[in-house]
């Protein structure tokens, strides 16, 4: 069984047709995720981008993406709670200083 499947490309003909200028399509744009894929494995990027092949383990890749999304949400939650904790510590310190100053004034 092959580890990749053929994908159909709906890429318009390149070059000039009937004197019209060729326009950029979405296929002409290289996205940041593609750069990441290229740096991880240039061959995999080439197979997908140039040859139009897709991995056979798409379901597993989607599951991995979902897991990364969940992890990202938990990291965001951690940072939000950390900011709240720092704010509460600063508030407590300010109240302690105010209490000490007011206590010295008496």
N, C-alpha and C. Protein backbone atom coordinates (compact mmCIF):
# COMPACT_ATOMS: atom_id res chain seq x y z
N UNK A 1 0.84 -1.18 0.00
CA UNK A 1 0.00 0.00 0.00
C UNK A 1 0.89 1.24 0.00
N UNK A 2 0.54 2.20 -0.79
CA UNK A 2 1.34 3.41 -0.91
C UNK A 2 1.09 4.33 0.28
N UNK A 3 2.14 5.05 0.68
CA UNK A 3 2.00 5.94 1.83
C UNK A 3 1.49 7.32 1.41
N UNK A 4 1.31 7.54 0.12
CA UNK A 4 0.77 8.81 -0.34
C UNK A 4 -0.30 8.55 -1.38
N UNK A 5 -1.19 9.49 -1.53
CA UNK A 5 -2.24 9.39 -2.54
C UNK A 5 -2.15 10.59 -3.47
N UNK A 6 -2.64 10.44 -4.68
CA UNK A 6 -2.58 11.51 -5.67
C UNK A 6 -3.66 12.54 -5.38
N UNK A 7 -3.32 13.81 -5.47
CA UNK A 7 -4.27 14.90 -5.29
C UNK A 7 -4.42 15.59 -6.63
N UNK A 8 -5.63 15.98 -6.97
CA UNK A 8 -5.87 16.68 -8.22
C UNK A 8 -5.60 18.16 -8.01
N UNK A 9 -4.86 18.74 -8.92
CA UNK A 9 -4.55 20.15 -8.84
C UNK A 9 -5.44 20.91 -9.80
N UNK A 10 -6.03 21.99 -9.34
CA UNK A 10 -6.86 22.82 -10.18
C UNK A 10 -6.12 24.10 -10.50
N UNK A 11 -4.87 23.98 -10.74
CA UNK A 11 -4.02 25.12 -11.01
C UNK A 11 -4.25 25.60 -12.43
N UNK A 12 -4.49 26.89 -12.64
CA UNK A 12 -4.69 27.39 -13.99
C UNK A 12 -3.41 27.30 -14.80
N UNK A 13 -3.55 27.33 -16.08
CA UNK A 13 -2.39 27.30 -16.96
C UNK A 13 -1.52 28.51 -16.68
N UNK A 14 -0.24 28.28 -16.60
CA UNK A 14 0.67 29.39 -16.36
C UNK A 14 1.04 30.05 -17.67
N UNK A 15 1.49 31.28 -17.58
CA UNK A 15 1.89 31.99 -18.78
C UNK A 15 0.77 32.86 -19.30
N UNK A 16 0.95 33.32 -20.52
CA UNK A 16 -0.04 34.22 -21.12
C UNK A 16 -0.93 33.44 -22.06
N UNK A 17 -2.23 33.67 -21.93
CA UNK A 17 -3.18 33.07 -22.84
C UNK A 17 -4.01 34.19 -23.43
N UNK A 18 -4.12 34.22 -24.75
CA UNK A 18 -4.91 35.23 -25.47
C UNK A 18 -4.52 36.64 -25.05
N UNK A 19 -3.22 36.87 -24.78
CA UNK A 19 -2.73 38.20 -24.45
C UNK A 19 -3.05 38.65 -23.03
N UNK A 20 -3.59 37.78 -22.18
CA UNK A 20 -3.90 38.15 -20.80
C UNK A 20 -2.72 37.85 -19.90
N UNK A 21 -2.55 38.68 -18.90
CA UNK A 21 -1.49 38.46 -17.93
C UNK A 21 -1.85 37.31 -17.01
N UNK A 22 -0.87 36.51 -16.64
CA UNK A 22 -1.11 35.44 -15.67
C UNK A 22 -1.30 36.06 -14.30
N UNK A 23 -2.28 35.60 -13.56
CA UNK A 23 -2.54 36.14 -12.23
C UNK A 23 -2.07 35.15 -11.18
N UNK A 24 -1.75 35.69 -10.02
CA UNK A 24 -1.33 34.82 -8.92
C UNK A 24 -2.54 34.05 -8.39
N UNK A 25 -2.31 32.80 -8.05
CA UNK A 25 -3.35 31.98 -7.44
C UNK A 25 -2.90 31.62 -6.04
N UNK A 26 -3.78 30.97 -5.29
CA UNK A 26 -3.41 30.53 -3.95
C UNK A 26 -2.25 29.55 -4.00
N UNK A 27 -2.11 28.81 -5.11
CA UNK A 27 -1.00 27.86 -5.23
C UNK A 27 0.34 28.56 -5.36
N UNK A 28 0.33 29.84 -5.75
CA UNK A 28 1.58 30.59 -5.90
C UNK A 28 2.09 31.14 -4.57
N UNK A 29 1.29 31.09 -3.54
CA UNK A 29 1.64 31.63 -2.24
C UNK A 29 2.20 30.52 -1.36
N UNK A 30 3.36 30.76 -0.78
CA UNK A 30 3.94 29.80 0.15
C UNK A 30 3.62 30.28 1.56
N UNK A 31 2.91 29.46 2.30
CA UNK A 31 2.47 29.81 3.64
C UNK A 31 3.54 29.43 4.67
N UNK A 32 3.39 30.02 5.86
CA UNK A 32 4.35 29.75 6.94
C UNK A 32 4.36 28.26 7.29
N UNK A 33 3.20 27.62 7.25
CA UNK A 33 3.16 26.20 7.57
C UNK A 33 3.97 25.39 6.56
N UNK A 34 3.98 25.85 5.30
CA UNK A 34 4.77 25.16 4.28
C UNK A 34 6.26 25.34 4.54
N UNK A 35 6.65 26.50 5.03
CA UNK A 35 8.05 26.73 5.36
C UNK A 35 8.46 25.79 6.49
N UNK A 36 7.57 25.66 7.48
CA UNK A 36 7.83 24.71 8.56
C UNK A 36 7.94 23.29 8.05
N UNK A 37 7.05 22.92 7.14
CA UNK A 37 7.10 21.58 6.57
C UNK A 37 8.40 21.39 5.79
N UNK A 38 8.80 22.41 5.03
CA UNK A 38 10.02 22.33 4.24
C UNK A 38 11.24 22.17 5.14
N UNK A 39 11.30 22.94 6.24
CA UNK A 39 12.46 22.84 7.11
C UNK A 39 12.49 21.49 7.83
N UNK A 40 11.32 20.92 8.09
CA UNK A 40 11.27 19.60 8.73
C UNK A 40 11.65 18.51 7.73
N UNK A 41 11.08 18.58 6.52
CA UNK A 41 11.39 17.57 5.49
C UNK A 41 11.13 18.17 4.12
N UNK A 42 12.20 18.56 3.46
CA UNK A 42 12.08 19.19 2.14
C UNK A 42 11.44 18.24 1.13
N UNK A 43 11.73 16.97 1.25
CA UNK A 43 11.16 15.98 0.31
C UNK A 43 9.64 15.89 0.46
N UNK A 44 9.14 15.89 1.69
CA UNK A 44 7.70 15.85 1.92
C UNK A 44 7.03 17.10 1.36
N UNK A 45 7.67 18.25 1.55
CA UNK A 45 7.13 19.49 0.99
C UNK A 45 7.07 19.40 -0.52
N UNK A 46 8.14 18.93 -1.15
CA UNK A 46 8.21 18.82 -2.60
C UNK A 46 7.15 17.85 -3.12
N UNK A 47 6.99 16.72 -2.45
CA UNK A 47 5.99 15.75 -2.89
C UNK A 47 4.58 16.35 -2.84
N UNK A 48 4.29 17.12 -1.80
CA UNK A 48 2.96 17.72 -1.69
C UNK A 48 2.80 18.90 -2.63
N UNK A 49 3.79 19.78 -2.68
CA UNK A 49 3.67 21.04 -3.43
C UNK A 49 3.83 20.85 -4.93
N UNK A 50 4.83 20.08 -5.33
CA UNK A 50 5.14 19.94 -6.75
C UNK A 50 4.42 18.75 -7.36
N UNK A 51 4.48 17.62 -6.70
CA UNK A 51 3.88 16.41 -7.25
C UNK A 51 2.40 16.27 -6.94
N UNK A 52 1.90 17.05 -5.97
CA UNK A 52 0.48 16.98 -5.63
C UNK A 52 0.09 15.74 -4.85
N UNK A 53 1.03 15.14 -4.15
CA UNK A 53 0.74 13.94 -3.35
C UNK A 53 0.37 14.35 -1.93
N UNK A 54 -0.52 13.59 -1.33
CA UNK A 54 -0.90 13.85 0.06
C UNK A 54 -0.61 12.62 0.89
N UNK A 55 -0.33 12.79 2.18
CA UNK A 55 -0.05 11.64 3.04
C UNK A 55 -1.28 10.75 3.19
N UNK A 56 -1.03 9.48 3.41
CA UNK A 56 -2.13 8.52 3.61
C UNK A 56 -2.64 8.56 5.04
N UNK A 57 -1.88 9.13 5.96
CA UNK A 57 -2.28 9.16 7.37
C UNK A 57 -2.93 10.48 7.76
N UNK A 58 -3.86 10.95 6.95
CA UNK A 58 -4.50 12.24 7.18
C UNK A 58 -5.28 12.23 8.50
N UNK A 59 -5.95 11.13 8.82
CA UNK A 59 -6.72 11.07 10.07
C UNK A 59 -5.80 11.23 11.28
N UNK A 60 -4.65 10.58 11.26
CA UNK A 60 -3.71 10.70 12.36
C UNK A 60 -3.17 12.12 12.46
N UNK A 61 -2.93 12.75 11.31
CA UNK A 61 -2.43 14.12 11.31
C UNK A 61 -3.48 15.07 11.87
N UNK A 62 -4.74 14.86 11.53
CA UNK A 62 -5.82 15.69 12.09
C UNK A 62 -5.91 15.50 13.60
N UNK A 63 -5.77 14.27 14.06
CA UNK A 63 -5.81 13.99 15.51
C UNK A 63 -4.64 14.71 16.20
N UNK A 64 -3.47 14.69 15.58
CA UNK A 64 -2.31 15.39 16.13
C UNK A 64 -2.53 16.89 16.19
N UNK A 65 -3.15 17.44 15.14
CA UNK A 65 -3.47 18.87 15.12
C UNK A 65 -4.43 19.21 16.25
N UNK A 66 -5.43 18.36 16.46
CA UNK A 66 -6.38 18.59 17.55
C UNK A 66 -5.68 18.55 18.90
N UNK A 67 -4.75 17.60 19.08
CA UNK A 67 -4.00 17.52 20.34
C UNK A 67 -3.14 18.77 20.55
N UNK A 68 -2.51 19.26 19.48
CA UNK A 68 -1.70 20.47 19.58
C UNK A 68 -2.59 21.66 19.95
N UNK A 69 -3.78 21.73 19.38
CA UNK A 69 -4.71 22.82 19.70
C UNK A 69 -5.08 22.78 21.18
N UNK A 70 -5.40 21.59 21.70
CA UNK A 70 -5.74 21.45 23.12
C UNK A 70 -4.56 21.85 24.01
N UNK A 71 -3.37 21.44 23.62
CA UNK A 71 -2.18 21.80 24.40
C UNK A 71 -1.98 23.31 24.38
N UNK A 72 -2.16 23.92 23.22
CA UNK A 72 -2.03 25.37 23.10
C UNK A 72 -3.02 26.10 23.99
N UNK A 73 -4.25 25.58 24.07
CA UNK A 73 -5.26 26.19 24.93
C UNK A 73 -4.87 26.08 26.40
N UNK A 74 -4.31 24.93 26.79
CA UNK A 74 -3.89 24.78 28.18
C UNK A 74 -2.71 25.69 28.50
N UNK A 75 -1.81 25.91 27.56
CA UNK A 75 -0.68 26.83 27.77
C UNK A 75 -1.20 28.26 27.91
N UNK A 76 -2.17 28.64 27.07
CA UNK A 76 -2.76 29.97 27.19
C UNK A 76 -3.43 30.14 28.55
N UNK A 77 -4.16 29.12 29.00
CA UNK A 77 -4.83 29.16 30.30
C UNK A 77 -3.79 29.33 31.42
N UNK A 78 -2.68 28.60 31.32
CA UNK A 78 -1.61 28.72 32.32
C UNK A 78 -1.09 30.15 32.39
N UNK A 79 -0.81 30.75 31.23
CA UNK A 79 -0.27 32.12 31.21
C UNK A 79 -1.29 33.12 31.76
N UNK A 80 -2.56 32.91 31.45
CA UNK A 80 -3.60 33.80 31.98
C UNK A 80 -3.66 33.70 33.51
N UNK A 81 -3.62 32.47 34.03
CA UNK A 81 -3.64 32.28 35.49
C UNK A 81 -2.38 32.85 36.14
N UNK A 82 -1.26 32.73 35.45
CA UNK A 82 -0.01 33.28 35.98
C UNK A 82 -0.10 34.81 36.08
N UNK A 83 -0.67 35.46 35.07
CA UNK A 83 -0.84 36.92 35.13
C UNK A 83 -1.77 37.31 36.28
N UNK A 84 -2.84 36.55 36.45
CA UNK A 84 -3.77 36.84 37.56
C UNK A 84 -3.05 36.67 38.90
N UNK A 85 -2.25 35.62 39.05
CA UNK A 85 -1.52 35.38 40.29
C UNK A 85 -0.55 36.51 40.58
N UNK A 86 0.18 36.98 39.57
CA UNK A 86 1.13 38.08 39.77
C UNK A 86 0.37 39.34 40.17
N UNK A 87 -0.77 39.59 39.51
CA UNK A 87 -1.56 40.78 39.85
C UNK A 87 -2.05 40.70 41.30
N UNK A 88 -2.49 39.53 41.73
CA UNK A 88 -2.95 39.38 43.11
C UNK A 88 -1.81 39.55 44.11
N UNK A 89 -0.63 39.05 43.79
CA UNK A 89 0.54 39.22 44.67
C UNK A 89 0.90 40.69 44.78
N UNK A 90 0.88 41.41 43.65
CA UNK A 90 1.18 42.85 43.68
C UNK A 90 0.13 43.62 44.48
N UNK A 91 -1.13 43.22 44.32
CA UNK A 91 -2.20 43.86 45.09
C UNK A 91 -2.00 43.61 46.57
N UNK A 92 -1.67 42.38 46.94
CA UNK A 92 -1.43 42.05 48.35
C UNK A 92 -0.26 42.85 48.89
N UNK A 93 0.81 42.98 48.10
CA UNK A 93 1.98 43.75 48.54
C UNK A 93 1.61 45.22 48.72
N UNK A 94 0.81 45.77 47.79
CA UNK A 94 0.39 47.17 47.92
C UNK A 94 -0.48 47.37 49.16
N UNK A 95 -1.38 46.43 49.43
CA UNK A 95 -2.22 46.53 50.63
C UNK A 95 -1.38 46.42 51.90
N UNK A 96 -0.38 45.54 51.89
CA UNK A 96 0.50 45.39 53.06
C UNK A 96 1.27 46.68 53.30
N UNK A 97 1.79 47.26 52.25
CA UNK A 97 2.54 48.53 52.39
C UNK A 97 1.61 49.63 52.90
N UNK A 98 0.40 49.69 52.33
CA UNK A 98 -0.56 50.70 52.79
C UNK A 98 -0.91 50.49 54.26
N UNK A 99 -1.11 49.26 54.66
CA UNK A 99 -1.43 48.95 56.06
C UNK A 99 -0.28 49.35 56.97
N UNK A 100 0.96 49.08 56.55
CA UNK A 100 2.13 49.43 57.35
C UNK A 100 2.29 50.95 57.45
N UNK A 101 2.09 51.64 56.33
CA UNK A 101 2.22 53.11 56.35
C UNK A 101 1.15 53.70 57.24
N UNK A 102 -0.09 53.25 57.09
CA UNK A 102 -1.17 53.77 57.91
C UNK A 102 -0.96 53.41 59.38
N UNK A 103 -0.36 52.27 59.64
CA UNK A 103 -0.07 51.87 61.02
C UNK A 103 1.00 52.73 61.64
N UNK A 104 1.94 53.21 60.86
CA UNK A 104 3.00 54.07 61.37
C UNK A 104 2.51 55.48 61.61
N UNK A 105 1.48 55.89 60.88
CA UNK A 105 0.97 57.25 61.01
C UNK A 105 0.28 57.45 62.34
N UNK A 106 -0.34 56.46 62.88
CA UNK A 106 -1.09 56.59 64.15
C UNK A 106 -0.24 56.97 65.27
